[in-house]
C-alpha atoms as a PDB file:
ATOM      1  CA  MET A   1      23.217  -2.301  28.851  1.00  0.00           C
ATOM      2  CA  LYS A   2      20.239  -2.618  26.436  1.00  0.00           C
ATOM      3  CA  LEU A   3      20.289  -4.994  23.471  1.00  0.00           C
ATOM      4  CA  LYS A   4      17.738  -5.013  20.664  1.00  0.00           C
ATOM      5  CA  PRO A   5      17.873  -8.019  18.328  1.00  0.00           C
ATOM      6  CA  LEU A   6      17.632  -7.574  14.552  1.00  0.00           C
ATOM      7  CA  ASN A   7      15.296  -9.350  12.162  1.00  0.00           C
ATOM      8  CA  ASP A   8      14.408 -12.879  13.255  1.00  0.00           C
ATOM      9  CA  ARG A   9      16.884 -12.932  16.245  1.00  0.00           C
ATOM     10  CA  VAL A  10      15.848 -13.469  19.797  1.00  0.00           C
ATOM     11  CA  LEU A  11      17.643 -12.698  23.096  1.00  0.00           C
ATOM     12  CA  VAL A  12      17.188 -15.628  25.642  1.00  0.00           C
ATOM     13  CA  LYS A  13      18.329 -15.916  29.240  1.00  0.00           C
ATOM     14  CA  ARG A  14      19.034 -19.458  30.217  1.00  0.00           C
ATOM     15  CA  LEU A  15      17.016 -20.727  33.139  1.00  0.00           C
ATOM     16  CA  GLU A  16      18.987 -22.503  35.929  1.00  0.00           C
ATOM     17  CA  SER A  17      19.077 -26.243  35.973  1.00  0.00           C
ATOM     18  CA  GLU A  18      18.306 -28.515  38.911  1.00  0.00           C
ATOM     19  CA  GLU A  19      20.847 -28.571  41.705  1.00  0.00           C
ATOM     20  CA  LYS A  20      19.883 -32.101  42.756  1.00  0.00           C
ATOM     21  CA  THR A  21      18.362 -35.257  41.264  1.00  0.00           C
ATOM     22  CA  ALA A  22      15.006 -36.671  42.094  1.00  0.00           C
ATOM     23  CA  GLY A  23      16.606 -39.157  44.547  1.00  0.00           C
ATOM     24  CA  GLY A  24      18.078 -36.229  46.469  1.00  0.00           C
ATOM     25  CA  LEU A  25      21.712 -36.353  45.194  1.00  0.00           C
ATOM     26  CA  TYR A  26      23.449 -33.009  44.579  1.00  0.00           C
ATOM     27  CA  ILE A  27      24.938 -32.497  41.164  1.00  0.00           C
ATOM     28  CA  PRO A  28      28.418 -30.937  41.026  1.00  0.00           C
ATOM     29  CA  ASP A  29      28.880 -27.889  38.674  1.00  0.00           C
ATOM     30  CA  THR A  30      31.356 -29.921  36.571  1.00  0.00           C
ATOM     31  CA  ALA A  31      28.732 -32.663  35.798  1.00  0.00           C
ATOM     32  CA  LYS A  32      25.883 -30.340  34.971  1.00  0.00           C
ATOM     33  CA  GLU A  33      24.798 -29.953  31.378  1.00  0.00           C
ATOM     34  CA  LYS A  34      23.804 -26.496  30.005  1.00  0.00           C
ATOM     35  CA  PRO A  35      20.034 -26.054  30.363  1.00  0.00           C
ATOM     36  CA  SER A  36      18.177 -25.985  27.062  1.00  0.00           C
ATOM     37  CA  LYS A  37      15.330 -24.033  28.569  1.00  0.00           C
ATOM     38  CA  GLY A  38      15.261 -20.284  28.703  1.00  0.00           C
ATOM     39  CA  GLN A  39      13.062 -17.149  28.814  1.00  0.00           C
ATOM     40  CA  VAL A  40      12.893 -14.713  25.914  1.00  0.00           C
ATOM     41  CA  VAL A  41      14.155 -11.262  26.987  1.00  0.00           C
ATOM     42  CA  ALA A  42      13.728  -9.378  23.680  1.00  0.00           C
ATOM     43  CA  ALA A  43      12.757 -10.268  20.146  1.00  0.00           C
ATOM     44  CA  GLY A  44      13.471  -8.620  16.797  1.00  0.00           C
ATOM     45  CA  PRO A  45      10.791  -7.213  14.500  1.00  0.00           C
ATOM     46  CA  GLY A  46      10.589 -10.356  12.311  1.00  0.00           C
ATOM     47  CA  LYS A  47      12.015 -11.674   9.046  1.00  0.00           C
ATOM     48  CA  LEU A  48      11.668 -10.069   5.748  1.00  0.00           C
ATOM     49  CA  GLY A  49       9.307 -11.901   3.392  1.00  0.00           C
ATOM     50  CA  GLU A  50       9.779 -12.393  -0.311  1.00  0.00           C
ATOM     51  CA  LYS A  51       7.716  -9.247  -1.133  1.00  0.00           C
ATOM     52  CA  GLY A  52       9.503  -7.091   1.514  1.00  0.00           C
ATOM     53  CA  GLU A  53       6.899  -7.348   4.129  1.00  0.00           C
ATOM     54  CA  ARG A  54       7.708  -8.251   7.820  1.00  0.00           C
ATOM     55  CA  VAL A  55       6.708 -11.640   8.984  1.00  0.00           C
ATOM     56  CA  ALA A  56       6.203 -11.347  12.816  1.00  0.00           C
ATOM     57  CA  LEU A  57       7.890 -13.812  15.178  1.00  0.00           C
ATOM     58  CA  ALA A  58       6.030 -16.480  17.001  1.00  0.00           C
ATOM     59  CA  VAL A  59       7.732 -15.752  20.258  1.00  0.00           C
ATOM     60  CA  LYS A  60       7.598 -12.537  22.406  1.00  0.00           C
ATOM     61  CA  ALA A  61       9.396 -11.280  25.502  1.00  0.00           C
ATOM     62  CA  GLY A  62       8.510 -13.262  28.535  1.00  0.00           C
ATOM     63  CA  ASP A  63       7.840 -16.655  26.780  1.00  0.00           C
ATOM     64  CA  GLN A  64       9.595 -19.677  28.181  1.00  0.00           C
ATOM     65  CA  VAL A  65      11.156 -21.711  25.372  1.00  0.00           C
ATOM     66  CA  LEU A  66      13.116 -24.880  24.598  1.00  0.00           C
ATOM     67  CA  PHE A  67      16.020 -24.774  22.278  1.00  0.00           C
ATOM     68  CA  ASN A  68      18.849 -26.958  20.942  1.00  0.00           C
ATOM     69  CA  LYS A  69      21.703 -27.498  23.228  1.00  0.00           C
ATOM     70  CA  TYR A  70      24.233 -25.849  20.917  1.00  0.00           C
ATOM     71  CA  ALA A  71      21.943 -23.106  19.598  1.00  0.00           C
ATOM     72  CA  GLY A  72      22.805 -19.429  19.455  1.00  0.00           C
ATOM     73  CA  THR A  73      25.805 -17.258  20.436  1.00  0.00           C
ATOM     74  CA  GLU A  74      26.683 -16.737  24.090  1.00  0.00           C
ATOM     75  CA  ILE A  75      27.038 -13.233  25.314  1.00  0.00           C
ATOM     76  CA  LYS A  76      27.259 -11.627  28.852  1.00  0.00           C
ATOM     77  CA  LEU A  77      25.078  -8.709  29.653  1.00  0.00           C
ATOM     78  CA  ASP A  78      25.506  -6.886  32.986  1.00  0.00           C
ATOM     79  CA  GLY A  79      27.204 -10.093  34.352  1.00  0.00           C
ATOM     80  CA  VAL A  80      24.396 -12.416  33.261  1.00  0.00           C
ATOM     81  CA  ASP A  81      24.756 -14.966  30.502  1.00  0.00           C
ATOM     82  CA  HIS A  82      22.421 -14.788  27.626  1.00  0.00           C
ATOM     83  CA  LEU A  83      22.026 -16.282  24.049  1.00  0.00           C
ATOM     84  CA  VAL A  84      21.317 -14.509  20.838  1.00  0.00           C
ATOM     85  CA  MET A  85      19.771 -17.032  18.391  1.00  0.00           C
ATOM     86  CA  ARG A  86      17.457 -17.306  15.365  1.00  0.00           C
ATOM     87  CA  GLU A  87      13.769 -18.007  15.855  1.00  0.00           C
ATOM     88  CA  GLU A  88      14.277 -21.135  13.893  1.00  0.00           C
ATOM     89  CA  ASP A  89      16.628 -22.507  16.596  1.00  0.00           C
ATOM     90  CA  ILE A  90      13.674 -22.454  19.079  1.00  0.00           C
ATOM     91  CA  LEU A  91      12.071 -25.805  19.333  1.00  0.00           C
ATOM     92  CA  ALA A  92       8.961 -25.033  21.342  1.00  0.00           C
ATOM     93  CA  ILE A  93       7.159 -22.452  23.601  1.00  0.00           C
ATOM     94  CA  ILE A  94       6.327 -23.728  27.132  1.00  0.00           C
ATOM     95  CA  ASP A  95       2.913 -22.730  28.411  1.00  0.00           C
END
């Protein structure tokens, strides 16, 4: 299934969190927090400005980003969990 976000929305795939701690202890699934790091899969064309012009997004497909823990709407595409969120919910781009 293909999905193309509209306006300033971005489709993000969560990156998996660590399975064990730095000390070597394994973390059970019930104790894991949802990762707040992901990879941009698709981005919309941008927000409309005051004069009707498109303002391009700062992120693009392939960027790794940090976002708020409760940001976006969870959806499932081809059995994989994704998030659809606004660009303003993204906190930073990871280089």
